[in-house]
Amino acid sequence: MTIKEAQEAVDQWIKTYGVRYFSELTNMACLTEEVGELARVIARKYGDQSFKEGEKANVGEEIADIMWVLICLANQTGTDITEELQKSFEKKTKRDVKRHLDNPKLKA
């Protein structure tokens, strides 16, 4: 599935099952909540915390939930994620063409 197809699929799902999009502010709060859920799983799986009884290492599920809400926000604001991601690659490549290669902290 391409990003464009994902944006279209989320939009169709919202129109079919979701009644309407939540407000942008509500979706921003939902995004924050989903990022927190991913942080919890990462802290338990890769950090020093342990899982509580019944918790799972569902990193992929949490990332997908974040993407869902990001796509909702993009659709609501008329943002073409593919186009914006391409611009971001161009910006980062131009800005960081040597930055990371020359960073002694990143040397093996």
N, C-alpha and C. Protein backbone atom coordinates (compact mmCIF):
# COMPACT_ATOMS: atom_id res chain seq x y z
N MET A 1 0.85 -1.18 0.00
CA MET A 1 0.00 0.00 0.00
C MET A 1 0.90 1.24 0.00
N THR A 2 0.65 2.15 -0.91
CA THR A 2 1.39 3.40 -0.93
C THR A 2 0.83 4.34 0.14
N ILE A 3 1.54 5.40 0.39
CA ILE A 3 1.04 6.39 1.34
C ILE A 3 -0.26 7.01 0.83
N LYS A 4 -0.29 7.30 -0.46
CA LYS A 4 -1.51 7.86 -1.06
C LYS A 4 -2.68 6.90 -0.90
N GLU A 5 -2.43 5.62 -1.14
CA GLU A 5 -3.50 4.63 -0.97
C GLU A 5 -3.94 4.55 0.49
N ALA A 6 -2.99 4.67 1.40
CA ALA A 6 -3.33 4.67 2.83
C ALA A 6 -4.20 5.87 3.17
N GLN A 7 -3.85 7.04 2.65
CA GLN A 7 -4.66 8.23 2.92
C GLN A 7 -6.08 8.03 2.40
N GLU A 8 -6.18 7.46 1.20
CA GLU A 8 -7.51 7.22 0.62
C GLU A 8 -8.29 6.17 1.41
N ALA A 9 -7.60 5.12 1.85
CA ALA A 9 -8.26 4.04 2.61
C ALA A 9 -8.76 4.54 3.96
N VAL A 10 -7.96 5.34 4.64
CA VAL A 10 -8.40 5.90 5.92
C VAL A 10 -9.61 6.80 5.70
N ASP A 11 -9.56 7.63 4.67
CA ASP A 11 -10.67 8.52 4.38
C ASP A 11 -11.94 7.72 4.10
N GLN A 12 -11.82 6.66 3.32
CA GLN A 12 -12.99 5.83 3.01
C GLN A 12 -13.52 5.14 4.27
N TRP A 13 -12.62 4.67 5.13
CA TRP A 13 -13.03 4.03 6.38
C TRP A 13 -13.79 5.01 7.26
N ILE A 14 -13.25 6.22 7.38
CA ILE A 14 -13.91 7.25 8.20
C ILE A 14 -15.31 7.52 7.66
N LYS A 15 -15.42 7.66 6.35
CA LYS A 15 -16.72 7.96 5.74
C LYS A 15 -17.71 6.80 5.86
N THR A 16 -17.18 5.56 5.90
CA THR A 16 -18.05 4.39 5.97
C THR A 16 -18.41 4.01 7.41
N TYR A 17 -17.42 4.02 8.30
CA TYR A 17 -17.61 3.51 9.66
C TYR A 17 -17.46 4.56 10.76
N GLY A 18 -16.74 5.61 10.48
CA GLY A 18 -16.39 6.54 11.53
C GLY A 18 -17.32 7.72 11.69
N VAL A 19 -18.34 7.82 10.87
CA VAL A 19 -19.31 8.92 10.84
C VAL A 19 -18.66 10.19 10.31
N ARG A 20 -17.60 10.65 10.99
CA ARG A 20 -16.86 11.83 10.54
C ARG A 20 -15.51 11.81 11.25
N TYR A 21 -14.61 12.66 10.78
CA TYR A 21 -13.33 12.81 11.46
C TYR A 21 -13.56 13.48 12.81
N PHE A 22 -12.78 13.07 13.81
CA PHE A 22 -12.73 13.85 15.05
C PHE A 22 -12.12 15.20 14.69
N SER A 23 -12.31 16.19 15.53
CA SER A 23 -11.70 17.50 15.27
C SER A 23 -10.18 17.36 15.25
N GLU A 24 -9.53 18.30 14.61
CA GLU A 24 -8.07 18.29 14.55
C GLU A 24 -7.46 18.30 15.95
N LEU A 25 -8.05 19.06 16.85
CA LEU A 25 -7.53 19.13 18.21
C LEU A 25 -7.69 17.79 18.92
N THR A 26 -8.83 17.14 18.74
CA THR A 26 -9.02 15.81 19.33
C THR A 26 -8.03 14.82 18.75
N ASN A 27 -7.84 14.87 17.43
CA ASN A 27 -6.88 13.95 16.81
C ASN A 27 -5.45 14.23 17.28
N MET A 28 -5.12 15.47 17.55
CA MET A 28 -3.80 15.77 18.08
C MET A 28 -3.64 15.15 19.46
N ALA A 29 -4.68 15.23 20.27
CA ALA A 29 -4.64 14.59 21.59
C ALA A 29 -4.53 13.07 21.45
N CYS A 30 -5.27 12.49 20.48
CA CYS A 30 -5.18 11.05 20.23
C CYS A 30 -3.77 10.66 19.78
N LEU A 31 -3.16 11.48 18.94
CA LEU A 31 -1.79 11.22 18.49
C LEU A 31 -0.83 11.20 19.67
N THR A 32 -0.97 12.15 20.55
CA THR A 32 -0.12 12.22 21.74
C THR A 32 -0.30 10.95 22.59
N GLU A 33 -1.54 10.53 22.74
CA GLU A 33 -1.83 9.31 23.49
C GLU A 33 -1.17 8.09 22.84
N GLU A 34 -1.29 7.98 21.52
CA GLU A 34 -0.72 6.84 20.80
C GLU A 34 0.81 6.83 20.89
N VAL A 35 1.44 8.00 20.80
CA VAL A 35 2.89 8.06 20.94
C VAL A 35 3.30 7.62 22.34
N GLY A 36 2.51 8.00 23.34
CA GLY A 36 2.77 7.56 24.71
C GLY A 36 2.67 6.05 24.85
N GLU A 37 1.72 5.45 24.16
CA GLU A 37 1.58 3.99 24.21
C GLU A 37 2.79 3.31 23.56
N LEU A 38 3.28 3.86 22.46
CA LEU A 38 4.50 3.33 21.84
C LEU A 38 5.69 3.49 22.78
N ALA A 39 5.79 4.64 23.42
CA ALA A 39 6.89 4.87 24.36
C ALA A 39 6.87 3.86 25.50
N ARG A 40 5.68 3.54 26.00
CA ARG A 40 5.56 2.55 27.06
C ARG A 40 6.09 1.19 26.61
N VAL A 41 5.70 0.76 25.42
CA VAL A 41 6.14 -0.54 24.90
C VAL A 41 7.65 -0.54 24.67
N ILE A 42 8.18 0.55 24.12
CA ILE A 42 9.63 0.64 23.87
C ILE A 42 10.38 0.61 25.19
N ALA A 43 9.88 1.30 26.21
CA ALA A 43 10.55 1.32 27.52
C ALA A 43 10.60 -0.07 28.13
N ARG A 44 9.55 -0.85 27.88
CA ARG A 44 9.51 -2.19 28.45
C ARG A 44 10.31 -3.20 27.63
N LYS A 45 10.26 -3.07 26.31
CA LYS A 45 10.94 -4.04 25.44
C LYS A 45 12.44 -3.77 25.34
N TYR A 46 12.81 -2.49 25.20
CA TYR A 46 14.21 -2.14 24.97
C TYR A 46 14.86 -1.42 26.14
N GLY A 47 14.05 -0.95 27.06
CA GLY A 47 14.57 -0.20 28.20
C GLY A 47 14.63 -1.07 29.44
N ASP A 48 14.65 -0.42 30.58
CA ASP A 48 14.85 -1.10 31.85
C ASP A 48 13.56 -1.57 32.51
N GLN A 49 12.41 -1.15 32.00
CA GLN A 49 11.14 -1.56 32.61
C GLN A 49 10.76 -2.96 32.15
N SER A 50 9.92 -3.62 32.94
CA SER A 50 9.40 -4.94 32.55
C SER A 50 7.92 -4.79 32.23
N PHE A 51 7.43 -5.73 31.46
CA PHE A 51 6.02 -5.73 31.11
C PHE A 51 5.17 -6.10 32.32
N LYS A 52 4.05 -5.43 32.45
CA LYS A 52 3.08 -5.80 33.47
C LYS A 52 2.29 -7.00 32.95
N GLU A 53 1.64 -7.70 33.84
CA GLU A 53 0.84 -8.86 33.44
C GLU A 53 -0.20 -8.43 32.42
N GLY A 54 -0.25 -9.13 31.31
CA GLY A 54 -1.23 -8.85 30.27
C GLY A 54 -0.75 -7.90 29.19
N GLU A 55 0.36 -7.20 29.41
CA GLU A 55 0.89 -6.30 28.38
C GLU A 55 1.65 -7.11 27.34
N LYS A 56 1.66 -6.58 26.09
CA LYS A 56 2.37 -7.26 25.01
C LYS A 56 3.37 -6.30 24.38
N ALA A 57 4.35 -6.91 23.72
CA ALA A 57 5.35 -6.13 22.99
C ALA A 57 4.82 -5.85 21.59
N ASN A 58 3.81 -5.04 21.49
CA ASN A 58 3.10 -4.78 20.24
C ASN A 58 3.59 -3.49 19.57
N VAL A 59 4.88 -3.42 19.30
CA VAL A 59 5.48 -2.23 18.70
C VAL A 59 4.80 -1.89 17.37
N GLY A 60 4.64 -2.89 16.51
CA GLY A 60 4.03 -2.65 15.20
C GLY A 60 2.62 -2.10 15.29
N GLU A 61 1.85 -2.65 16.20
CA GLU A 61 0.47 -2.18 16.39
C GLU A 61 0.45 -0.72 16.82
N GLU A 62 1.34 -0.37 17.73
CA GLU A 62 1.38 1.02 18.21
C GLU A 62 1.84 1.97 17.11
N ILE A 63 2.82 1.56 16.32
CA ILE A 63 3.27 2.40 15.19
C ILE A 63 2.14 2.58 14.19
N ALA A 64 1.39 1.50 13.92
CA ALA A 64 0.26 1.60 12.99
C ALA A 64 -0.81 2.55 13.52
N ASP A 65 -1.06 2.50 14.84
CA ASP A 65 -2.04 3.43 15.43
C ASP A 65 -1.60 4.88 15.25
N ILE A 66 -0.30 5.12 15.42
CA ILE A 66 0.23 6.48 15.22
C ILE A 66 0.04 6.90 13.77
N MET A 67 0.36 6.00 12.85
CA MET A 67 0.20 6.33 11.43
C MET A 67 -1.24 6.64 11.09
N TRP A 68 -2.16 5.88 11.68
CA TRP A 68 -3.59 6.11 11.42
C TRP A 68 -3.97 7.54 11.78
N VAL A 69 -3.60 7.97 12.97
CA VAL A 69 -3.98 9.31 13.42
C VAL A 69 -3.25 10.37 12.60
N LEU A 70 -1.99 10.14 12.26
CA LEU A 70 -1.25 11.08 11.41
C LEU A 70 -1.94 11.22 10.05
N ILE A 71 -2.39 10.10 9.51
CA ILE A 71 -3.09 10.14 8.22
C ILE A 71 -4.41 10.91 8.36
N CYS A 72 -5.12 10.70 9.46
CA CYS A 72 -6.34 11.49 9.69
C CYS A 72 -6.04 12.98 9.69
N LEU A 73 -5.00 13.36 10.42
CA LEU A 73 -4.63 14.78 10.48
C LEU A 73 -4.23 15.30 9.10
N ALA A 74 -3.49 14.50 8.35
CA ALA A 74 -3.10 14.91 7.00
C ALA A 74 -4.34 15.10 6.12
N ASN A 75 -5.24 14.15 6.17
CA ASN A 75 -6.45 14.27 5.37
C ASN A 75 -7.27 15.50 5.75
N GLN A 76 -7.37 15.76 7.04
CA GLN A 76 -8.16 16.89 7.51
C GLN A 76 -7.56 18.22 7.10
N THR A 77 -6.25 18.26 6.99
CA THR A 77 -5.57 19.53 6.68
C THR A 77 -5.17 19.65 5.22
N GLY A 78 -5.60 18.69 4.41
CA GLY A 78 -5.29 18.73 2.98
C GLY A 78 -3.83 18.50 2.67
N THR A 79 -3.16 17.72 3.50
CA THR A 79 -1.74 17.46 3.34
C THR A 79 -1.51 16.16 2.57
N ASP A 80 -0.75 16.25 1.48
CA ASP A 80 -0.33 15.07 0.73
C ASP A 80 0.96 14.58 1.37
N ILE A 81 0.88 13.50 2.13
CA ILE A 81 2.05 13.03 2.89
C ILE A 81 3.18 12.63 1.96
N THR A 82 2.86 12.01 0.82
CA THR A 82 3.91 11.61 -0.12
C THR A 82 4.71 12.82 -0.57
N GLU A 83 4.02 13.87 -0.96
CA GLU A 83 4.67 15.10 -1.42
C GLU A 83 5.51 15.72 -0.31
N GLU A 84 4.95 15.79 0.88
CA GLU A 84 5.67 16.40 1.99
C GLU A 84 6.87 15.57 2.43
N LEU A 85 6.75 14.25 2.36
CA LEU A 85 7.87 13.38 2.71
C LEU A 85 9.01 13.53 1.70
N GLN A 86 8.66 13.66 0.42
CA GLN A 86 9.68 13.90 -0.60
C GLN A 86 10.41 15.21 -0.33
N LYS A 87 9.67 16.25 0.02
CA LYS A 87 10.28 17.54 0.36
C LYS A 87 11.20 17.40 1.57
N SER A 88 10.78 16.60 2.54
CA SER A 88 11.58 16.40 3.75
C SER A 88 12.89 15.70 3.42
N PHE A 89 12.85 14.69 2.55
CA PHE A 89 14.08 14.02 2.12
C PHE A 89 15.03 15.02 1.46
N GLU A 90 14.49 15.85 0.58
CA GLU A 90 15.31 16.84 -0.12
C GLU A 90 15.94 17.82 0.88
N LYS A 91 15.15 18.30 1.81
CA LYS A 91 15.63 19.24 2.82
C LYS A 91 16.74 18.62 3.66
N LYS A 92 16.49 17.42 4.15
CA LYS A 92 17.47 16.76 5.01
C LYS A 92 18.74 16.41 4.25
N THR A 93 18.60 15.98 3.01
CA THR A 93 19.77 15.63 2.21
C THR A 93 20.64 16.86 1.97
N LYS A 94 20.01 17.96 1.63
CA LYS A 94 20.75 19.20 1.39
C LYS A 94 21.41 19.69 2.68
N ARG A 95 20.67 19.69 3.75
CA ARG A 95 21.15 20.21 5.02
C ARG A 95 22.21 19.30 5.65
N ASP A 96 22.03 18.00 5.53
CA ASP A 96 22.85 17.06 6.28
C ASP A 96 23.78 16.23 5.39
N VAL A 97 24.09 16.73 4.19
CA VAL A 97 24.87 15.96 3.23
C VAL A 97 26.17 15.41 3.84
N LYS A 98 26.81 16.15 4.72
CA LYS A 98 28.05 15.69 5.35
C LYS A 98 27.96 15.65 6.86
N ARG A 99 26.92 16.22 7.41
CA ARG A 99 26.81 16.39 8.86
C ARG A 99 27.00 15.08 9.63
N HIS A 100 26.27 14.06 9.27
CA HIS A 100 26.34 12.81 10.02
C HIS A 100 27.60 12.01 9.66
N LEU A 101 28.01 12.10 8.40
CA LEU A 101 29.25 11.42 7.99
C LEU A 101 30.45 11.97 8.73
N ASP A 102 30.42 13.25 9.04
CA ASP A 102 31.55 13.91 9.72
C ASP A 102 31.40 13.93 11.25
N ASN A 103 30.35 13.33 11.77
CA ASN A 103 30.11 13.34 13.21
C ASN A 103 30.94 12.25 13.88
N PRO A 104 31.95 12.64 14.68
CA PRO A 104 32.80 11.61 15.31
C PRO A 104 32.02 10.73 16.30
N LYS A 105 30.90 11.21 16.80
CA LYS A 105 30.09 10.41 17.73
C LYS A 105 29.46 9.20 17.05
N LEU A 106 29.35 9.26 15.72
CA LEU A 106 28.70 8.18 14.97
C LEU A 106 29.71 7.20 14.39
N LYS A 107 30.98 7.45 14.58
CA LYS A 107 32.01 6.54 14.07
C LYS A 107 32.03 5.27 14.90
N ALA A 108 32.31 4.16 14.24
CA ALA A 108 32.34 2.86 14.96
C ALA A 108 33.52 2.74 15.89
